[in-house]
Amino acid sequence: MPSPELDNFLRNVLSHVKFSFDRKAICSELESHLWDRIEDYLEQGYDEATAERLAVEGMGDPKEIGIELNKQHNPIIGWLW
């Protein structure tokens, strides 16, 4: 289960994705990337809280990510599929 920091990041990104049918898949993929980064930081010797913070910071601005994902997951294209 994501920590509050990870959960907040994911919610912020997904708040910009208008096509609700893609949100679950987007969330799963982002969460996977975050956990990969966290594992890398843990292997480098960081504690879990620091690893989570660094992973979230390393992903970038959640608003920008959400806006870009919204462009790629267009509801009109989604409905056509």
PDB file of N, CA and C in Angstrom:
ATOM      1  N   MET A   1       0.848  -1.182   0.000  1.00  0.00           N
ATOM      2  CA  MET A   1       0.000   0.000   0.000  1.00  0.00           C
ATOM      3  C   MET A   1       0.892   1.242   0.000  1.00  0.00           C
ATOM      4  N   PRO A   2       0.568   2.209  -0.835  1.00  0.00           N
ATOM      5  CA  PRO A   2       1.396   3.410  -0.910  1.00  0.00           C
ATOM      6  C   PRO A   2       1.365   4.209   0.396  1.00  0.00           C
ATOM      7  N   SER A   3       2.478   4.842   0.693  1.00  0.00           N
ATOM      8  CA  SER A   3       2.543   5.740   1.846  1.00  0.00           C
ATOM      9  C   SER A   3       1.737   6.991   1.522  1.00  0.00           C
ATOM     10  N   PRO A   4       1.453   7.828   2.520  1.00  0.00           N
ATOM     11  CA  PRO A   4       0.718   9.069   2.236  1.00  0.00           C
ATOM     12  C   PRO A   4       1.406   9.942   1.188  1.00  0.00           C
ATOM     13  N   GLU A   5       2.742   9.978   1.214  1.00  0.00           N
ATOM     14  CA  GLU A   5       3.465  10.795   0.235  1.00  0.00           C
ATOM     15  C   GLU A   5       3.280  10.248  -1.182  1.00  0.00           C
ATOM     16  N   LEU A   6       3.399   8.928  -1.334  1.00  0.00           N
ATOM     17  CA  LEU A   6       3.196   8.314  -2.652  1.00  0.00           C
ATOM     18  C   LEU A   6       1.750   8.459  -3.093  1.00  0.00           C
ATOM     19  N   ASP A   7       0.828   8.226  -2.164  1.00  0.00           N
ATOM     20  CA  ASP A   7      -0.593   8.329  -2.468  1.00  0.00           C
ATOM     21  C   ASP A   7      -0.954   9.743  -2.917  1.00  0.00           C
ATOM     22  N   ASN A   8      -0.412  10.738  -2.244  1.00  0.00           N
ATOM     23  CA  ASN A   8      -0.667  12.127  -2.608  1.00  0.00           C
ATOM     24  C   ASN A   8      -0.134  12.426  -4.003  1.00  0.00           C
ATOM     25  N   PHE A   9       1.068  11.952  -4.307  1.00  0.00           N
ATOM     26  CA  PHE A   9       1.646  12.156  -5.635  1.00  0.00           C
ATOM     27  C   PHE A   9       0.747  11.529  -6.709  1.00  0.00           C
ATOM     28  N   LEU A  10       0.346  10.281  -6.491  1.00  0.00           N
ATOM     29  CA  LEU A  10      -0.493   9.580  -7.470  1.00  0.00           C
ATOM     30  C   LEU A  10      -1.830  10.288  -7.655  1.00  0.00           C
ATOM     31  N   ARG A  11      -2.451  10.707  -6.552  1.00  0.00           N
ATOM     32  CA  ARG A  11      -3.732  11.417  -6.660  1.00  0.00           C
ATOM     33  C   ARG A  11      -3.577  12.723  -7.428  1.00  0.00           C
ATOM     34  N   ASN A  12      -2.476  13.443  -7.172  1.00  0.00           N
ATOM     35  CA  ASN A  12      -2.247  14.695  -7.892  1.00  0.00           C
ATOM     36  C   ASN A  12      -2.095  14.461  -9.388  1.00  0.00           C
ATOM     37  N   VAL A  13      -1.342  13.445  -9.767  1.00  0.00           N
ATOM     38  CA  VAL A  13      -1.174  13.135 -11.192  1.00  0.00           C
ATOM     39  C   VAL A  13      -2.528  12.769 -11.799  1.00  0.00           C
ATOM     40  N   LEU A  14      -3.226  11.842 -11.169  1.00  0.00           N
ATOM     41  CA  LEU A  14      -4.481  11.331 -11.724  1.00  0.00           C
ATOM     42  C   LEU A  14      -5.589  12.374 -11.759  1.00  0.00           C
ATOM     43  N   SER A  15      -5.495  13.399 -10.934  1.00  0.00           N
ATOM     44  CA  SER A  15      -6.520  14.445 -10.947  1.00  0.00           C
ATOM     45  C   SER A  15      -6.550  15.200 -12.274  1.00  0.00           C
ATOM     46  N   HIS A  16      -5.497  15.090 -13.052  1.00  0.00           N
ATOM     47  CA  HIS A  16      -5.417  15.782 -14.342  1.00  0.00           C
ATOM     48  C   HIS A  16      -5.766  14.870 -15.520  1.00  0.00           C
ATOM     49  N   VAL A  17      -5.969  13.593 -15.255  1.00  0.00           N
ATOM     50  CA  VAL A  17      -6.320  12.637 -16.307  1.00  0.00           C
ATOM     51  C   VAL A  17      -7.835  12.547 -16.377  1.00  0.00           C
ATOM     52  N   LYS A  18      -8.394  13.024 -17.456  1.00  0.00           N
ATOM     53  CA  LYS A  18      -9.852  13.119 -17.575  1.00  0.00           C
ATOM     54  C   LYS A  18     -10.522  11.798 -17.971  1.00  0.00           C
ATOM     55  N   PHE A  19      -9.807  10.945 -18.683  1.00  0.00           N
ATOM     56  CA  PHE A  19     -10.388   9.684 -19.148  1.00  0.00           C
ATOM     57  C   PHE A  19     -10.289   8.668 -18.017  1.00  0.00           C
ATOM     58  N   SER A  20     -11.361   8.544 -17.259  1.00  0.00           N
ATOM     59  CA  SER A  20     -11.343   7.760 -16.027  1.00  0.00           C
ATOM     60  C   SER A  20     -11.035   6.282 -16.251  1.00  0.00           C
ATOM     61  N   PHE A  21     -11.328   5.755 -17.422  1.00  0.00           N
ATOM     62  CA  PHE A  21     -11.096   4.335 -17.685  1.00  0.00           C
ATOM     63  C   PHE A  21      -9.606   3.986 -17.719  1.00  0.00           C
ATOM     64  N   ASP A  22      -8.739   4.958 -17.942  1.00  0.00           N
ATOM     65  CA  ASP A  22      -7.298   4.714 -17.999  1.00  0.00           C
ATOM     66  C   ASP A  22      -6.594   4.975 -16.667  1.00  0.00           C
ATOM     67  N   ARG A  23      -7.298   5.557 -15.720  1.00  0.00           N
ATOM     68  CA  ARG A  23      -6.652   5.954 -14.468  1.00  0.00           C
ATOM     69  C   ARG A  23      -6.042   4.781 -13.707  1.00  0.00           C
ATOM     70  N   LYS A  24      -6.732   3.655 -13.658  1.00  0.00           N
ATOM     71  CA  LYS A  24      -6.225   2.511 -12.898  1.00  0.00           C
ATOM     72  C   LYS A  24      -4.904   2.016 -13.487  1.00  0.00           C
ATOM     73  N   ALA A  25      -4.840   1.904 -14.804  1.00  0.00           N
ATOM     74  CA  ALA A  25      -3.612   1.441 -15.461  1.00  0.00           C
ATOM     75  C   ALA A  25      -2.479   2.450 -15.272  1.00  0.00           C
ATOM     76  N   ILE A  26      -2.799   3.724 -15.381  1.00  0.00           N
ATOM     77  CA  ILE A  26      -1.796   4.773 -15.183  1.00  0.00           C
ATOM     78  C   ILE A  26      -1.268   4.720 -13.756  1.00  0.00           C
ATOM     79  N   CYS A  27      -2.171   4.590 -12.804  1.00  0.00           N
ATOM     80  CA  CYS A  27      -1.781   4.524 -11.399  1.00  0.00           C
ATOM     81  C   CYS A  27      -0.866   3.331 -11.144  1.00  0.00           C
ATOM     82  N   SER A  28      -1.209   2.191 -11.688  1.00  0.00           N
ATOM     83  CA  SER A  28      -0.390   0.989 -11.503  1.00  0.00           C
ATOM     84  C   SER A  28       1.008   1.174 -12.075  1.00  0.00           C
ATOM     85  N   GLU A  29       1.085   1.759 -13.251  1.00  0.00           N
ATOM     86  CA  GLU A  29       2.393   1.952 -13.872  1.00  0.00           C
ATOM     87  C   GLU A  29       3.240   2.961 -13.098  1.00  0.00           C
ATOM     88  N   LEU A  30       2.624   4.079 -12.696  1.00  0.00           N
ATOM     89  CA  LEU A  30       3.365   5.070 -11.924  1.00  0.00           C
ATOM     90  C   LEU A  30       3.832   4.495 -10.589  1.00  0.00           C
ATOM     91  N   GLU A  31       2.949   3.744  -9.949  1.00  0.00           N
ATOM     92  CA  GLU A  31       3.304   3.137  -8.668  1.00  0.00           C
ATOM     93  C   GLU A  31       4.472   2.162  -8.835  1.00  0.00           C
ATOM     94  N   SER A  32       4.456   1.420  -9.923  1.00  0.00           N
ATOM     95  CA  SER A  32       5.547   0.491 -10.210  1.00  0.00           C
ATOM     96  C   SER A  32       6.875   1.228 -10.377  1.00  0.00           C
ATOM     97  N   HIS A  33       6.833   2.345 -11.118  1.00  0.00           N
ATOM     98  CA  HIS A  33       8.043   3.151 -11.303  1.00  0.00           C
ATOM     99  C   HIS A  33       8.539   3.702  -9.962  1.00  0.00           C
ATOM    100  N   LEU A  34       7.605   4.166  -9.150  1.00  0.00           N
ATOM    101  CA  LEU A  34       7.990   4.706  -7.850  1.00  0.00           C
ATOM    102  C   LEU A  34       8.644   3.643  -6.977  1.00  0.00           C
ATOM    103  N   TRP A  35       8.058   2.437  -6.946  1.00  0.00           N
ATOM    104  CA  TRP A  35       8.619   1.373  -6.111  1.00  0.00           C
ATOM    105  C   TRP A  35       9.984   0.927  -6.628  1.00  0.00           C
ATOM    106  N   ASP A  36      10.172   0.942  -7.948  1.00  0.00           N
ATOM    107  CA  ASP A  36      11.495   0.628  -8.506  1.00  0.00           C
ATOM    108  C   ASP A  36      12.531   1.635  -8.020  1.00  0.00           C
ATOM    109  N   ARG A  37      12.162   2.908  -8.045  1.00  0.00           N
ATOM    110  CA  ARG A  37      13.069   3.956  -7.587  1.00  0.00           C
ATOM    111  C   ARG A  37      13.340   3.825  -6.088  1.00  0.00           C
ATOM    112  N   ILE A  38      12.289   3.531  -5.333  1.00  0.00           N
ATOM    113  CA  ILE A  38      12.450   3.374  -3.887  1.00  0.00           C
ATOM    114  C   ILE A  38      13.420   2.233  -3.589  1.00  0.00           C
ATOM    115  N   GLU A  39      13.243   1.119  -4.283  1.00  0.00           N
ATOM    116  CA  GLU A  39      14.146  -0.021  -4.087  1.00  0.00           C
ATOM    117  C   GLU A  39      15.594   0.357  -4.404  1.00  0.00           C
ATOM    118  N   ASP A  40      15.784   1.140  -5.457  1.00  0.00           N
ATOM    119  CA  ASP A  40      17.138   1.590  -5.804  1.00  0.00           C
ATOM    120  C   ASP A  40      17.737   2.425  -4.675  1.00  0.00           C
ATOM    121  N   TYR A  41      16.946   3.343  -4.137  1.00  0.00           N
ATOM    122  CA  TYR A  41      17.439   4.186  -3.046  1.00  0.00           C
ATOM    123  C   TYR A  41      17.701   3.376  -1.779  1.00  0.00           C
ATOM    124  N   LEU A  42      16.843   2.400  -1.507  1.00  0.00           N
ATOM    125  CA  LEU A  42      17.064   1.547  -0.337  1.00  0.00           C
ATOM    126  C   LEU A  42      18.362   0.756  -0.477  1.00  0.00           C
ATOM    127  N   GLU A  43      18.630   0.267  -1.682  1.00  0.00           N
ATOM    128  CA  GLU A  43      19.872  -0.459  -1.934  1.00  0.00           C
ATOM    129  C   GLU A  43      21.100   0.436  -1.766  1.00  0.00           C
ATOM    130  N   GLN A  44      20.900   1.735  -1.984  1.00  0.00           N
ATOM    131  CA  GLN A  44      21.999   2.690  -1.820  1.00  0.00           C
ATOM    132  C   GLN A  44      22.193   3.064  -0.345  1.00  0.00           C
ATOM    133  N   GLY A  45      21.311   2.559   0.525  1.00  0.00           N
ATOM    134  CA  GLY A  45      21.479   2.790   1.957  1.00  0.00           C
ATOM    135  C   GLY A  45      20.575   3.839   2.573  1.00  0.00           C
ATOM    136  N   TYR A  46      19.670   4.416   1.787  1.00  0.00           N
ATOM    137  CA  TYR A  46      18.743   5.396   2.344  1.00  0.00           C
ATOM    138  C   TYR A  46      17.680   4.688   3.179  1.00  0.00           C
ATOM    139  N   ASP A  47      17.170   5.397   4.202  1.00  0.00           N
ATOM    140  CA  ASP A  47      16.051   4.837   4.961  1.00  0.00           C
ATOM    141  C   ASP A  47      14.778   4.946   4.109  1.00  0.00           C
ATOM    142  N   GLU A  48      13.737   4.239   4.532  1.00  0.00           N
ATOM    143  CA  GLU A  48      12.528   4.145   3.705  1.00  0.00           C
ATOM    144  C   GLU A  48      11.870   5.503   3.454  1.00  0.00           C
ATOM    145  N   ALA A  49      11.768   6.332   4.476  1.00  0.00           N
ATOM    146  CA  ALA A  49      11.125   7.647   4.305  1.00  0.00           C
ATOM    147  C   ALA A  49      11.899   8.507   3.311  1.00  0.00           C
ATOM    148  N   THR A  50      13.210   8.503   3.422  1.00  0.00           N
ATOM    149  CA  THR A  50      14.036   9.288   2.500  1.00  0.00           C
ATOM    150  C   THR A  50      13.955   8.718   1.091  1.00  0.00           C
ATOM    151  N   ALA A  51      13.965   7.400   0.977  1.00  0.00           N
ATOM    152  CA  ALA A  51      13.862   6.759  -0.336  1.00  0.00           C
ATOM    153  C   ALA A  51      12.545   7.133  -1.014  1.00  0.00           C
ATOM    154  N   GLU A  52      11.453   7.141  -0.252  1.00  0.00           N
ATOM    155  CA  GLU A  52      10.151   7.517  -0.827  1.00  0.00           C
ATOM    156  C   GLU A  52      10.155   8.974  -1.269  1.00  0.00           C
ATOM    157  N   ARG A  53      10.690   9.838  -0.426  1.00  0.00           N
ATOM    158  CA  ARG A  53      10.733  11.266  -0.758  1.00  0.00           C
ATOM    159  C   ARG A  53      11.561  11.497  -2.018  1.00  0.00           C
ATOM    160  N   LEU A  54      12.729  10.873  -2.101  1.00  0.00           N
ATOM    161  CA  LEU A  54      13.588  11.029  -3.277  1.00  0.00           C
ATOM    162  C   LEU A  54      12.947  10.463  -4.535  1.00  0.00           C
ATOM    163  N   ALA A  55      12.240   9.349  -4.388  1.00  0.00           N
ATOM    164  CA  ALA A  55      11.565   8.742  -5.541  1.00  0.00           C
ATOM    165  C   ALA A  55      10.491   9.675  -6.081  1.00  0.00           C
ATOM    166  N   VAL A  56       9.707  10.250  -5.179  1.00  0.00           N
ATOM    167  CA  VAL A  56       8.640  11.172  -5.594  1.00  0.00           C
ATOM    168  C   VAL A  56       9.250  12.417  -6.239  1.00  0.00           C
ATOM    169  N   GLU A  57      10.267  12.980  -5.597  1.00  0.00           N
ATOM    170  CA  GLU A  57      10.918  14.171  -6.160  1.00  0.00           C
ATOM    171  C   GLU A  57      11.520  13.875  -7.529  1.00  0.00           C
ATOM    172  N   GLY A  58      12.066  12.677  -7.678  1.00  0.00           N
ATOM    173  CA  GLY A  58      12.694  12.302  -8.943  1.00  0.00           C
ATOM    174  C   GLY A  58      11.710  12.118 -10.091  1.00  0.00           C
ATOM    175  N   MET A  59      10.465  11.877  -9.765  1.00  0.00           N
ATOM    176  CA  MET A  59       9.455  11.700 -10.815  1.00  0.00           C
ATOM    177  C   MET A  59       9.120  13.023 -11.491  1.00  0.00           C
ATOM    178  N   GLY A  60       9.235  14.116 -10.772  1.00  0.00           N
ATOM    179  CA  GLY A  60       8.929  15.423 -11.340  1.00  0.00           C
ATOM    180  C   GLY A  60       7.618  15.978 -10.812  1.00  0.00           C
ATOM    181  N   ASP A  61       7.174  17.030 -11.458  1.00  0.00           N
ATOM    182  CA  ASP A  61       5.970  17.744 -11.043  1.00  0.00           C
ATOM    183  C   ASP A  61       4.726  16.925 -11.390  1.00  0.00           C
ATOM    184  N   PRO A  62       3.920  16.555 -10.395  1.00  0.00           N
ATOM    185  CA  PRO A  62       2.739  15.731 -10.682  1.00  0.00           C
ATOM    186  C   PRO A  62       1.730  16.412 -11.610  1.00  0.00           C
ATOM    187  N   LYS A  63       1.641  17.719 -11.533  1.00  0.00           N
ATOM    188  CA  LYS A  63       0.716  18.437 -12.418  1.00  0.00           C
ATOM    189  C   LYS A  63       1.159  18.309 -13.873  1.00  0.00           C
ATOM    190  N   GLU A  64       2.437  18.525 -14.123  1.00  0.00           N
ATOM    191  CA  GLU A  64       2.963  18.404 -15.485  1.00  0.00           C
ATOM    192  C   GLU A  64       2.793  16.982 -16.016  1.00  0.00           C
ATOM    193  N   ILE A  65       3.094  16.008 -15.166  1.00  0.00           N
ATOM    194  CA  ILE A  65       2.944  14.607 -15.569  1.00  0.00           C
ATOM    195  C   ILE A  65       1.491  14.317 -15.907  1.00  0.00           C
ATOM    196  N   GLY A  66       0.579  14.763 -15.041  1.00  0.00           N
ATOM    197  CA  GLY A  66      -0.845  14.534 -15.270  1.00  0.00           C
ATOM    198  C   GLY A  66      -1.348  15.180 -16.545  1.00  0.00           C
ATOM    199  N   ILE A  67      -0.905  16.379 -16.809  1.00  0.00           N
ATOM    200  CA  ILE A  67      -1.332  17.085 -18.027  1.00  0.00           C
ATOM    201  C   ILE A  67      -0.844  16.339 -19.266  1.00  0.00           C
ATOM    202  N   GLU A  68       0.413  15.898 -19.238  1.00  0.00           N
ATOM    203  CA  GLU A  68       0.952  15.157 -20.382  1.00  0.00           C
ATOM    204  C   GLU A  68       0.252  13.810 -20.559  1.00  0.00           C
ATOM    205  N   LEU A  69      -0.007  13.123 -19.457  1.00  0.00           N
ATOM    206  CA  LEU A  69      -0.725  11.844 -19.552  1.00  0.00           C
ATOM    207  C   LEU A  69      -2.142  12.053 -20.062  1.00  0.00           C
ATOM    208  N   ASN A  70      -2.757  13.154 -19.680  1.00  0.00           N
ATOM    209  CA  ASN A  70      -4.099  13.448 -20.162  1.00  0.00           C
ATOM    210  C   ASN A  70      -4.112  13.637 -21.678  1.00  0.00           C
ATOM    211  N   LYS A  71      -3.055  14.243 -22.203  1.00  0.00           N
ATOM    212  CA  LYS A  71      -2.956  14.412 -23.661  1.00  0.00           C
ATOM    213  C   LYS A  71      -2.848  13.056 -24.356  1.00  0.00           C
ATOM    214  N   GLN A  72      -2.126  12.118 -23.740  1.00  0.00           N
ATOM    215  CA  GLN A  72      -1.918  10.808 -24.345  1.00  0.00           C
ATOM    216  C   GLN A  72      -3.117   9.892 -24.162  1.00  0.00           C
ATOM    217  N   HIS A  73      -3.884  10.125 -23.121  1.00  0.00           N
ATOM    218  CA  HIS A  73      -5.040   9.275 -22.827  1.00  0.00           C
ATOM    219  C   HIS A  73      -6.310  10.081 -23.075  1.00  0.00           C
ATOM    220  N   ASN A  74      -6.496  10.423 -24.305  1.00  0.00           N
ATOM    221  CA  ASN A  74      -7.611  11.255 -24.736  1.00  0.00           C
ATOM    222  C   ASN A  74      -8.912  10.450 -24.713  1.00  0.00           C
ATOM    223  N   PRO A  75      -9.964  10.994 -24.095  1.00  0.00           N
ATOM    224  CA  PRO A  75     -11.241  10.268 -24.037  1.00  0.00           C
ATOM    225  C   PRO A  75     -11.818   9.912 -25.405  1.00  0.00           C
ATOM    226  N   ILE A  76     -11.652  10.780 -26.381  1.00  0.00           N
ATOM    227  CA  ILE A  76     -12.216  10.496 -27.709  1.00  0.00           C
ATOM    228  C   ILE A  76     -11.520   9.300 -28.326  1.00  0.00           C
ATOM    229  N   ILE A  77     -10.194   9.278 -28.246  1.00  0.00           N
ATOM    230  CA  ILE A  77      -9.451   8.140 -28.783  1.00  0.00           C
ATOM    231  C   ILE A  77      -9.780   6.889 -27.981  1.00  0.00           C
ATOM    232  N   GLY A  78      -9.884   7.040 -26.676  1.00  0.00           N
ATOM    233  CA  GLY A  78     -10.223   5.894 -25.826  1.00  0.00           C
ATOM    234  C   GLY A  78     -11.557   5.280 -26.167  1.00  0.00           C
ATOM    235  N   TRP A  79     -12.549   6.112 -26.417  1.00  0.00           N
ATOM    236  CA  TRP A  79     -13.862   5.591 -26.759  1.00  0.00           C
ATOM    237  C   TRP A  79     -13.852   4.896 -28.130  1.00  0.00           C
ATOM    238  N   LEU A  80     -13.026   5.370 -29.038  1.00  0.00           N
ATOM    239  CA  LEU A  80     -12.939   4.741 -30.359  1.00  0.00           C
ATOM    240  C   LEU A  80     -12.332   3.344 -30.259  1.00  0.00           C
ATOM    241  N   TRP A  81     -11.395   3.144 -29.333  1.00  0.00           N
ATOM    242  CA  TRP A  81     -10.779   1.842 -29.147  1.00  0.00           C
ATOM    243  C   TRP A  81     -11.786   0.905 -28.558  1.00  0.00           C
TER     244      TRP A  81
END
